[in-house]
Amino acid sequence: MNPAPLNGNNTTLNPSLPEVYPSVLFFSLWLHEHQGQDRTFLSGKIIGGQEAVPHSHPYMAFLQIKTQTTTEQCGGFLVREDFVLTAAHCWGRTITVILGAHDIDEQETTQQVIPIRRAIPHPNFKRKPFNDIMLLQLENKAKLTAEVSLLKLPSRNSQVAPGMVCTLAGWGLIGQNISTTKLHEVQLEIQSDEECLSRFKSIYDSTTQICVGNPKEKKNCFWGDSGSPLVCENVAQGIVSFGEDEGTPPSVYTRISSFLRWIRKTMKS
């Protein structure tokens, strides 16, 4: 898909930060070196899902990320009128946030394009795939409408259990070299931590990550869904982080409940 912005409301973000954050190639090489095979961060595709009912996920944000050399896309979600939550590896020199969209190629009257004041990756997000979470402070508050609304964060002791079925929405490929500009959704099953520990070894931490996607089903996130929320019973429990480069489930999500203190402190500052 062509993630070109619907208008020119881009804004430059903290050019002192390294350009490696959103780089799929960077994490592919790192994971290949440490795991012996080519695993990469997801930058999104919904596998085995279907087109969502327009505006049935009004919390969703489409992010276009520009680095010095590439243009990538991520998902995110509105947690306060002036903050979007996403994955830290979605950082870029320039980010455009679009709220209220269904078809990202159409200039829908429901869309709100808002410049970014600050991109705030978790301070402990470094070269390893942990702490993969970032807040984007909007330059102006979003106007809450039927098509643009907030997504509830979990409580600190919130748990997701293996077998629970949750929802993921995102824009991106829907098959091999098949693109779409419309929001898609898929139902995904929470897996045991052992499932991801056996597959991802030392780069899976059950205290800060969630294992998602039944390996027996052809349903998963993939290229273009990074930063999108895993929604369980109307609560955001996870953020798409990384998985197998061919899209084989399960994949790894950042566990939001482990970062609530940082989220609240950052939004107050």
C-alpha atoms as a PDB file:
ATOM      1  CA  MET A   1       0.000   0.000   0.000  1.00  0.00           C
ATOM      2  CA  ASN A   2       1.042   3.564  -0.537  1.00  0.00           C
ATOM      3  CA  PRO A   3       0.924   5.285   2.870  1.00  0.00           C
ATOM      4  CA  ALA A   4       1.181   8.808   1.499  1.00  0.00           C
ATOM      5  CA  PRO A   5      -0.325  11.462   3.757  1.00  0.00           C
ATOM      6  CA  LEU A   6      -3.740  12.850   2.931  1.00  0.00           C
ATOM      7  CA  ASN A   7      -2.392  16.364   3.294  1.00  0.00           C
ATOM      8  CA  GLY A   8       0.844  18.124   4.159  1.00  0.00           C
ATOM      9  CA  ASN A   9       0.470  18.350   7.923  1.00  0.00           C
ATOM     10  CA  ASN A  10       3.798  16.694   8.730  1.00  0.00           C
ATOM     11  CA  THR A  11       6.060  17.871  11.516  1.00  0.00           C
ATOM     12  CA  THR A  12       9.739  17.278  12.271  1.00  0.00           C
ATOM     13  CA  LEU A  13      10.514  15.276  15.418  1.00  0.00           C
ATOM     14  CA  ASN A  14      13.690  15.322  17.502  1.00  0.00           C
ATOM     15  CA  PRO A  15      16.323  14.791  14.776  1.00  0.00           C
ATOM     16  CA  SER A  16      18.933  13.951  17.433  1.00  0.00           C
ATOM     17  CA  LEU A  17      17.403  10.494  17.923  1.00  0.00           C
ATOM     18  CA  PRO A  18      18.952   7.674  15.864  1.00  0.00           C
ATOM     19  CA  GLU A  19      17.203   6.546  12.702  1.00  0.00           C
ATOM     20  CA  VAL A  20      17.383   2.868  13.714  1.00  0.00           C
ATOM     21  CA  TYR A  21      14.141   2.861  15.703  1.00  0.00           C
ATOM     22  CA  PRO A  22      11.665   2.241  12.876  1.00  0.00           C
ATOM     23  CA  SER A  23      14.066   0.210  10.767  1.00  0.00           C
ATOM     24  CA  VAL A  24      12.713  -3.231   9.914  1.00  0.00           C
ATOM     25  CA  LEU A  25      16.114  -4.105   8.453  1.00  0.00           C
ATOM     26  CA  PHE A  26      17.872  -3.191  11.710  1.00  0.00           C
ATOM     27  CA  PHE A  27      15.777  -5.528  13.840  1.00  0.00           C
ATOM     28  CA  SER A  28      15.831  -8.247  11.211  1.00  0.00           C
ATOM     29  CA  LEU A  29      19.622  -8.236  11.314  1.00  0.00           C
ATOM     30  CA  TRP A  30      19.724  -8.088  15.119  1.00  0.00           C
ATOM     31  CA  LEU A  31      17.313 -10.995  15.513  1.00  0.00           C
ATOM     32  CA  HIS A  32      19.083 -12.995  12.820  1.00  0.00           C
ATOM     33  CA  GLU A  33      22.382 -12.556  14.667  1.00  0.00           C
ATOM     34  CA  HIS A  34      20.964 -13.553  18.053  1.00  0.00           C
ATOM     35  CA  GLN A  35      18.451 -16.223  17.037  1.00  0.00           C
ATOM     36  CA  GLY A  36      20.059 -17.882  14.017  1.00  0.00           C
ATOM     37  CA  GLN A  37      17.172 -17.076  11.707  1.00  0.00           C
ATOM     38  CA  ASP A  38      15.576 -14.034  10.165  1.00  0.00           C
ATOM     39  CA  ARG A  39      12.983 -12.679  12.574  1.00  0.00           C
ATOM     40  CA  THR A  40      11.965  -9.081  12.298  1.00  0.00           C
ATOM     41  CA  PHE A  41       9.857  -6.366  13.822  1.00  0.00           C
ATOM     42  CA  LEU A  42       6.509  -5.958  12.161  1.00  0.00           C
ATOM     43  CA  SER A  43       5.799  -2.829  10.247  1.00  0.00           C
ATOM     44  CA  GLY A  44       1.823  -4.638   9.513  1.00  0.00           C
ATOM     45  CA  LYS A  45      -0.435  -6.869   7.730  1.00  0.00           C
ATOM     46  CA  ILE A  46      -3.604  -8.562   8.908  1.00  0.00           C
ATOM     47  CA  ILE A  47      -3.459 -12.247   7.961  1.00  0.00           C
ATOM     48  CA  GLY A  48      -6.685 -14.263   7.939  1.00  0.00           C
ATOM     49  CA  GLY A  49      -8.935 -11.351   8.855  1.00  0.00           C
ATOM     50  CA  GLN A  50     -11.571  -9.289   7.086  1.00  0.00           C
ATOM     51  CA  GLU A  51     -12.421  -5.676   6.365  1.00  0.00           C
ATOM     52  CA  ALA A  52     -13.703  -3.959   9.477  1.00  0.00           C
ATOM     53  CA  VAL A  53     -17.074  -2.249   9.590  1.00  0.00           C
ATOM     54  CA  PRO A  54     -16.154   1.392   8.858  1.00  0.00           C
ATOM     55  CA  HIS A  55     -15.259   3.269  12.052  1.00  0.00           C
ATOM     56  CA  SER A  56     -15.943   0.266  14.302  1.00  0.00           C
ATOM     57  CA  HIS A  57     -12.499   0.824  15.866  1.00  0.00           C
ATOM     58  CA  PRO A  58     -12.649   4.609  16.421  1.00  0.00           C
ATOM     59  CA  TYR A  59      -9.548   4.613  18.630  1.00  0.00           C
ATOM     60  CA  MET A  60      -7.273   3.605  15.736  1.00  0.00           C
ATOM     61  CA  ALA A  61      -4.539   5.926  14.462  1.00  0.00           C
ATOM     62  CA  PHE A  62      -2.692   5.538  11.155  1.00  0.00           C
ATOM     63  CA  LEU A  63       0.953   6.616  11.399  1.00  0.00           C
ATOM     64  CA  GLN A  64       3.094   7.478   8.391  1.00  0.00           C
ATOM     65  CA  ILE A  65       6.743   7.485   9.426  1.00  0.00           C
ATOM     66  CA  LYS A  66       9.502   9.085   7.387  1.00  0.00           C
ATOM     67  CA  THR A  67      13.188   8.465   8.060  1.00  0.00           C
ATOM     68  CA  GLN A  68      16.109   9.854   6.074  1.00  0.00           C
ATOM     69  CA  THR A  69      15.811   7.047   3.539  1.00  0.00           C
ATOM     70  CA  THR A  70      12.385   5.378   3.751  1.00  0.00           C
ATOM     71  CA  THR A  71       8.691   5.828   4.404  1.00  0.00           C
ATOM     72  CA  GLU A  72       7.037   3.245   6.647  1.00  0.00           C
ATOM     73  CA  GLN A  73       3.694   2.844   8.375  1.00  0.00           C
ATOM     74  CA  CYS A  74       2.503   1.830  11.816  1.00  0.00           C
ATOM     75  CA  GLY A  75      -0.676   1.716  13.796  1.00  0.00           C
ATOM     76  CA  GLY A  76      -1.416   3.386  17.091  1.00  0.00           C
ATOM     77  CA  PHE A  77      -4.376   4.273  19.281  1.00  0.00           C
ATOM     78  CA  LEU A  78      -5.771   7.295  21.058  1.00  0.00           C
ATOM     79  CA  VAL A  79      -5.492   7.065  24.862  1.00  0.00           C
ATOM     80  CA  ARG A  80      -6.132  10.734  25.658  1.00  0.00           C
ATOM     81  CA  GLU A  81      -7.276  13.617  23.491  1.00  0.00           C
ATOM     82  CA  ASP A  82      -3.638  14.681  23.112  1.00  0.00           C
ATOM     83  CA  PHE A  83      -1.766  11.339  23.236  1.00  0.00           C
ATOM     84  CA  VAL A  84      -1.439   8.333  20.922  1.00  0.00           C
ATOM     85  CA  LEU A  85       0.204   5.120  22.142  1.00  0.00           C
ATOM     86  CA  THR A  86       2.270   2.999  19.734  1.00  0.00           C
ATOM     87  CA  ALA A  87       5.479   0.923  19.503  1.00  0.00           C
ATOM     88  CA  ALA A  88       8.869   2.536  20.172  1.00  0.00           C
ATOM     89  CA  HIS A  89      10.374   1.083  16.991  1.00  0.00           C
ATOM     90  CA  CYS A  90       7.846   3.186  15.048  1.00  0.00           C
ATOM     91  CA  TRP A  91       9.873   6.320  15.802  1.00  0.00           C
ATOM     92  CA  GLY A  92      10.829   8.387  12.763  1.00  0.00           C
ATOM     93  CA  ARG A  93      12.209  11.770  11.841  1.00  0.00           C
ATOM     94  CA  THR A  94       8.754  12.843  10.651  1.00  0.00           C
ATOM     95  CA  ILE A  95       5.412  11.333  11.679  1.00  0.00           C
ATOM     96  CA  THR A  96       1.915  12.052  10.422  1.00  0.00           C
ATOM     97  CA  VAL A  97      -1.010  10.901  12.600  1.00  0.00           C
ATOM     98  CA  ILE A  98      -4.421  10.344  11.020  1.00  0.00           C
ATOM     99  CA  LEU A  99      -7.431   9.675  13.246  1.00  0.00           C
ATOM    100  CA  GLY A 100     -10.974   8.760  12.203  1.00  0.00           C
ATOM    101  CA  ALA A 101      -9.938   6.908   9.048  1.00  0.00           C
ATOM    102  CA  HIS A 102     -11.312   3.789   7.392  1.00  0.00           C
ATOM    103  CA  ASP A 103      -9.960   4.091   3.838  1.00  0.00           C
ATOM    104  CA  ILE A 104      -6.593   5.782   4.232  1.00  0.00           C
ATOM    105  CA  ASP A 105      -6.459   6.751   0.542  1.00  0.00           C
ATOM    106  CA  GLU A 106      -9.699   8.721   0.752  1.00  0.00           C
ATOM    107  CA  GLN A 107     -10.052  12.211   2.184  1.00  0.00           C
ATOM    108  CA  GLU A 108     -12.909  11.171   4.453  1.00  0.00           C
ATOM    109  CA  THR A 109     -14.695  13.966   6.300  1.00  0.00           C
ATOM    110  CA  THR A 110     -14.263  11.970   9.520  1.00  0.00           C
ATOM    111  CA  GLN A 111     -10.468  12.144   9.376  1.00  0.00           C
ATOM    112  CA  GLN A 112      -8.377  14.356  11.634  1.00  0.00           C
ATOM    113  CA  VAL A 113      -4.720  14.921  10.681  1.00  0.00           C
ATOM    114  CA  ILE A 114      -2.833  16.280  13.678  1.00  0.00           C
ATOM    115  CA  PRO A 115       0.864  17.254  13.876  1.00  0.00           C
ATOM    116  CA  ILE A 116       3.070  15.719  16.568  1.00  0.00           C
ATOM    117  CA  ARG A 117       4.557  17.885  19.311  1.00  0.00           C
ATOM    118  CA  ARG A 118       6.749  15.159  20.847  1.00  0.00           C
ATOM    119  CA  ALA A 119       7.597  11.519  20.210  1.00  0.00           C
ATOM    120  CA  ILE A 120       8.533   9.874  23.521  1.00  0.00           C
ATOM    121  CA  PRO A 121       9.956   6.336  23.267  1.00  0.00           C
ATOM    122  CA  HIS A 122      10.378   4.427  26.523  1.00  0.00           C
ATOM    123  CA  PRO A 123      13.795   5.409  27.940  1.00  0.00           C
ATOM    124  CA  ASN A 124      14.856   1.764  28.203  1.00  0.00           C
ATOM    125  CA  PHE A 125      14.077   0.916  24.595  1.00  0.00           C
ATOM    126  CA  LYS A 126      17.555   0.266  23.207  1.00  0.00           C
ATOM    127  CA  ARG A 127      18.940  -2.272  20.771  1.00  0.00           C
ATOM    128  CA  LYS A 128      17.035  -5.268  22.148  1.00  0.00           C
ATOM    129  CA  PRO A 129      13.317  -5.776  21.481  1.00  0.00           C
ATOM    130  CA  PHE A 130      12.135  -4.928  24.996  1.00  0.00           C
ATOM    131  CA  ASN A 131      10.257  -1.858  26.303  1.00  0.00           C
ATOM    132  CA  ASP A 132       8.829  -1.409  22.795  1.00  0.00           C
ATOM    133  CA  ILE A 133       6.365   1.334  23.660  1.00  0.00           C
ATOM    134  CA  MET A 134       6.104   5.031  22.760  1.00  0.00           C
ATOM    135  CA  LEU A 135       3.773   7.957  23.393  1.00  0.00           C
ATOM    136  CA  LEU A 136       3.095  10.568  20.721  1.00  0.00           C
ATOM    137  CA  GLN A 137       1.953  13.921  22.075  1.00  0.00           C
ATOM    138  CA  LEU A 138      -0.328  15.659  19.603  1.00  0.00           C
ATOM    139  CA  GLU A 139       0.150  19.328  18.780  1.00  0.00           C
ATOM    140  CA  ASN A 140      -3.602  19.867  19.166  1.00  0.00           C
ATOM    141  CA  LYS A 141      -6.194  17.846  21.028  1.00  0.00           C
ATOM    142  CA  ALA A 142      -8.261  15.470  18.938  1.00  0.00           C
ATOM    143  CA  LYS A 143     -11.947  16.263  18.672  1.00  0.00           C
ATOM    144  CA  LEU A 144     -13.839  13.273  20.059  1.00  0.00           C
ATOM    145  CA  THR A 145     -16.592  12.134  17.701  1.00  0.00           C
ATOM    146  CA  ALA A 146     -18.382   8.918  16.778  1.00  0.00           C
ATOM    147  CA  GLU A 147     -15.376   8.104  14.545  1.00  0.00           C
ATOM    148  CA  VAL A 148     -12.609   9.286  16.928  1.00  0.00           C
ATOM    149  CA  SER A 149     -12.632   8.049  20.520  1.00  0.00           C
ATOM    150  CA  LEU A 150     -10.355   6.870  23.317  1.00  0.00           C
ATOM    151  CA  LEU A 151      -9.364   3.284  24.073  1.00  0.00           C
ATOM    152  CA  LYS A 152      -9.302   2.235  27.716  1.00  0.00           C
ATOM    153  CA  LEU A 153      -5.993   1.171  29.258  1.00  0.00           C
ATOM    154  CA  PRO A 154      -5.797  -1.888  31.538  1.00  0.00           C
ATOM    155  CA  SER A 155      -5.492  -1.818  35.304  1.00  0.00           C
ATOM    156  CA  ARG A 156      -2.081  -2.523  36.792  1.00  0.00           C
ATOM    157  CA  ASN A 157      -3.037  -6.065  37.863  1.00  0.00           C
ATOM    158  CA  SER A 158      -4.912  -6.831  34.645  1.00  0.00           C
ATOM    159  CA  GLN A 159      -4.233 -10.292  33.227  1.00  0.00           C
ATOM    160  CA  VAL A 160      -4.804 -11.993  29.881  1.00  0.00           C
ATOM    161  CA  ALA A 161      -5.008 -15.771  30.006  1.00  0.00           C
ATOM    162  CA  PRO A 162      -4.148 -18.367  27.353  1.00  0.00           C
ATOM    163  CA  GLY A 163      -7.227 -19.156  25.291  1.00  0.00           C
ATOM    164  CA  MET A 164      -8.684 -15.652  25.568  1.00  0.00           C
ATOM    165  CA  VAL A 165      -9.694 -14.275  22.163  1.00  0.00           C
ATOM    166  CA  CYS A 166      -8.867 -10.629  21.453  1.00  0.00           C
ATOM    167  CA  THR A 167      -9.149  -8.286  18.469  1.00  0.00           C
ATOM    168  CA  LEU A 168      -6.473  -6.621  16.355  1.00  0.00           C
ATOM    169  CA  ALA A 169      -7.174  -3.997  13.680  1.00  0.00           C
ATOM    170  CA  GLY A 170      -4.762  -2.466  11.180  1.00  0.00           C
ATOM    171  CA  TRP A 171      -3.995  -1.306   7.652  1.00  0.00           C
ATOM    172  CA  GLY A 172      -1.658  -3.154   5.298  1.00  0.00           C
ATOM    173  CA  LEU A 173      -1.259  -6.261   3.163  1.00  0.00           C
ATOM    174  CA  ILE A 174      -4.021  -8.863   3.362  1.00  0.00           C
ATOM    175  CA  GLY A 175      -2.155 -11.537   1.415  1.00  0.00           C
ATOM    176  CA  GLN A 176       1.045 -12.140  -0.500  1.00  0.00           C
ATOM    177  CA  ASN A 177       1.630  -8.858  -2.375  1.00  0.00           C
ATOM    178  CA  ILE A 178      -2.060  -7.946  -1.929  1.00  0.00           C
ATOM    179  CA  SER A 179      -2.467  -4.469  -0.488  1.00  0.00           C
ATOM    180  CA  THR A 180      -5.474  -2.687   0.927  1.00  0.00           C
ATOM    181  CA  THR A 181      -6.141   0.863   2.001  1.00  0.00           C
ATOM    182  CA  LYS A 182      -9.067  -0.081   4.247  1.00  0.00           C
ATOM    183  CA  LEU A 183      -8.932  -1.035   7.912  1.00  0.00           C
ATOM    184  CA  HIS A 184      -9.003  -4.784   8.519  1.00  0.00           C
ATOM    185  CA  GLU A 185      -9.521  -6.786  11.704  1.00  0.00           C
ATOM    186  CA  VAL A 186      -8.768 -10.263  13.003  1.00  0.00           C
ATOM    187  CA  GLN A 187      -9.544 -12.302  16.121  1.00  0.00           C
ATOM    188  CA  LEU A 188      -6.421 -13.710  17.788  1.00  0.00           C
ATOM    189  CA  GLU A 189      -5.967 -16.159  20.642  1.00  0.00           C
ATOM    190  CA  ILE A 190      -3.665 -15.528  23.604  1.00  0.00           C
ATOM    191  CA  GLN A 191      -0.977 -18.232  23.882  1.00  0.00           C
ATOM    192  CA  SER A 192       1.003 -19.555  26.830  1.00  0.00           C
ATOM    193  CA  ASP A 193       4.311 -17.874  27.587  1.00  0.00           C
ATOM    194  CA  GLU A 194       5.997 -21.211  26.913  1.00  0.00           C
ATOM    195  CA  GLU A 195       4.910 -21.017  23.270  1.00  0.00           C
ATOM    196  CA  CYS A 196       6.903 -17.815  22.701  1.00  0.00           C
ATOM    197  CA  LEU A 197       9.774 -18.778  24.994  1.00  0.00           C
ATOM    198  CA  SER A 198      10.360 -21.904  22.904  1.00  0.00           C
ATOM    199  CA  ARG A 199      10.279 -19.908  19.673  1.00  0.00           C
ATOM    200  CA  PHE A 200      11.922 -16.603  20.583  1.00  0.00           C
ATOM    201  CA  LYS A 201      14.155 -17.728  23.472  1.00  0.00           C
ATOM    202  CA  SER A 202      15.981 -14.838  25.172  1.00  0.00           C
ATOM    203  CA  ILE A 203      14.082 -12.075  23.398  1.00  0.00           C
ATOM    204  CA  TYR A 204      10.773 -12.970  25.058  1.00  0.00           C
ATOM    205  CA  ASP A 205      10.045 -11.726  28.583  1.00  0.00           C
ATOM    206  CA  SER A 206       6.715 -12.834  30.030  1.00  0.00           C
ATOM    207  CA  THR A 207       6.645  -9.960  32.533  1.00  0.00           C
ATOM    208  CA  THR A 208       6.583  -7.273  29.830  1.00  0.00           C
ATOM    209  CA  GLN A 209       5.365  -9.131  26.721  1.00  0.00           C
ATOM    210  CA  ILE A 210       2.350 -11.190  25.602  1.00  0.00           C
ATOM    211  CA  CYS A 211       2.377 -14.212  23.284  1.00  0.00           C
ATOM    212  CA  VAL A 212      -0.447 -13.949  20.729  1.00  0.00           C
ATOM    213  CA  GLY A 213      -1.692 -16.051  17.806  1.00  0.00           C
ATOM    214  CA  ASN A 214      -2.525 -19.750  17.560  1.00  0.00           C
ATOM    215  CA  PRO A 215       0.269 -21.501  15.583  1.00  0.00           C
ATOM    216  CA  LYS A 216      -2.362 -23.876  14.150  1.00  0.00           C
ATOM    217  CA  GLU A 217      -4.303 -21.020  12.539  1.00  0.00           C
ATOM    218  CA  LYS A 218      -3.389 -18.788   9.604  1.00  0.00           C
ATOM    219  CA  LYS A 219      -4.290 -15.616  11.464  1.00  0.00           C
ATOM    220  CA  ASN A 220      -1.765 -13.036  12.571  1.00  0.00           C
ATOM    221  CA  CYS A 221      -0.426  -9.501  12.350  1.00  0.00           C
ATOM    222  CA  PHE A 222       2.417  -8.724   9.934  1.00  0.00           C
ATOM    223  CA  TRP A 223       3.946  -5.885   7.910  1.00  0.00           C
ATOM    224  CA  GLY A 224       2.188  -2.586   8.755  1.00  0.00           C
ATOM    225  CA  ASP A 225       0.514  -3.396  12.090  1.00  0.00           C
ATOM    226  CA  SER A 226       3.353  -2.429  14.434  1.00  0.00           C
ATOM    227  CA  GLY A 227       2.032  -0.257  17.228  1.00  0.00           C
ATOM    228  CA  SER A 228      -1.583  -1.365  16.813  1.00  0.00           C
ATOM    229  CA  PRO A 229      -3.471  -2.384  19.969  1.00  0.00           C
ATOM    230  CA  LEU A 230      -4.550  -5.862  21.004  1.00  0.00           C
ATOM    231  CA  VAL A 231      -8.031  -5.248  22.431  1.00  0.00           C
ATOM    232  CA  CYS A 232      -9.475  -7.722  24.928  1.00  0.00           C
ATOM    233  CA  GLU A 233     -12.978  -7.047  26.279  1.00  0.00           C
ATOM    234  CA  ASN A 234     -12.766  -3.402  25.137  1.00  0.00           C
ATOM    235  CA  VAL A 235      -9.429  -2.813  26.904  1.00  0.00           C
ATOM    236  CA  ALA A 236      -6.016  -2.329  25.254  1.00  0.00           C
ATOM    237  CA  GLN A 237      -3.809  -5.109  26.621  1.00  0.00           C
ATOM    238  CA  GLY A 238      -0.984  -5.313  24.075  1.00  0.00           C
ATOM    239  CA  ILE A 239       0.898  -3.452  21.343  1.00  0.00           C
ATOM    240  CA  VAL A 240       2.164  -5.243  18.209  1.00  0.00           C
ATOM    241  CA  SER A 241       5.947  -5.568  18.541  1.00  0.00           C
ATOM    242  CA  PHE A 242       7.601  -8.398  16.557  1.00  0.00           C
ATOM    243  CA  GLY A 243       7.283 -11.884  15.116  1.00  0.00           C
ATOM    244  CA  GLU A 244       8.449 -14.248  12.395  1.00  0.00           C
ATOM    245  CA  ASP A 245       9.315 -12.478   9.147  1.00  0.00           C
ATOM    246  CA  GLU A 246       6.983 -14.744   7.136  1.00  0.00           C
ATOM    247  CA  GLY A 247       4.049 -13.984   9.440  1.00  0.00           C
ATOM    248  CA  THR A 248       3.787 -17.383  11.137  1.00  0.00           C
ATOM    249  CA  PRO A 249       2.032 -17.091  14.521  1.00  0.00           C
ATOM    250  CA  PRO A 250       2.528 -16.543  17.373  1.00  0.00           C
ATOM    251  CA  SER A 251       3.840 -12.976  17.550  1.00  0.00           C
ATOM    252  CA  VAL A 252       5.041 -10.887  20.478  1.00  0.00           C
ATOM    253  CA  TYR A 253       3.162  -7.886  21.876  1.00  0.00           C
ATOM    254  CA  THR A 254       4.236  -5.341  24.480  1.00  0.00           C
ATOM    255  CA  ARG A 255       2.273  -5.914  27.715  1.00  0.00           C
ATOM    256  CA  ILE A 256       0.688  -2.509  28.422  1.00  0.00           C
ATOM    257  CA  SER A 257      -0.100  -3.196  32.094  1.00  0.00           C
ATOM    258  CA  SER A 258       3.648  -3.410  32.802  1.00  0.00           C
ATOM    259  CA  PHE A 259       4.142   0.201  31.652  1.00  0.00           C
ATOM    260  CA  LEU A 260       1.192   2.022  33.243  1.00  0.00           C
ATOM    261  CA  ARG A 261       3.348   4.005  35.680  1.00  0.00           C
ATOM    262  CA  TRP A 262       5.557   5.269  32.826  1.00  0.00           C
ATOM    263  CA  ILE A 263       2.528   6.078  30.656  1.00  0.00           C
ATOM    264  CA  ARG A 264       0.806   8.108  33.369  1.00  0.00           C
ATOM    265  CA  LYS A 265       3.983   9.892  34.444  1.00  0.00           C
ATOM    266  CA  THR A 266       4.835  10.793  30.840  1.00  0.00           C
ATOM    267  CA  MET A 267       1.375  12.147  30.066  1.00  0.00           C
ATOM    268  CA  LYS A 268       1.525  14.340  33.196  1.00  0.00           C
ATOM    269  CA  SER A 269       4.915  15.854  32.336  1.00  0.00           C
END
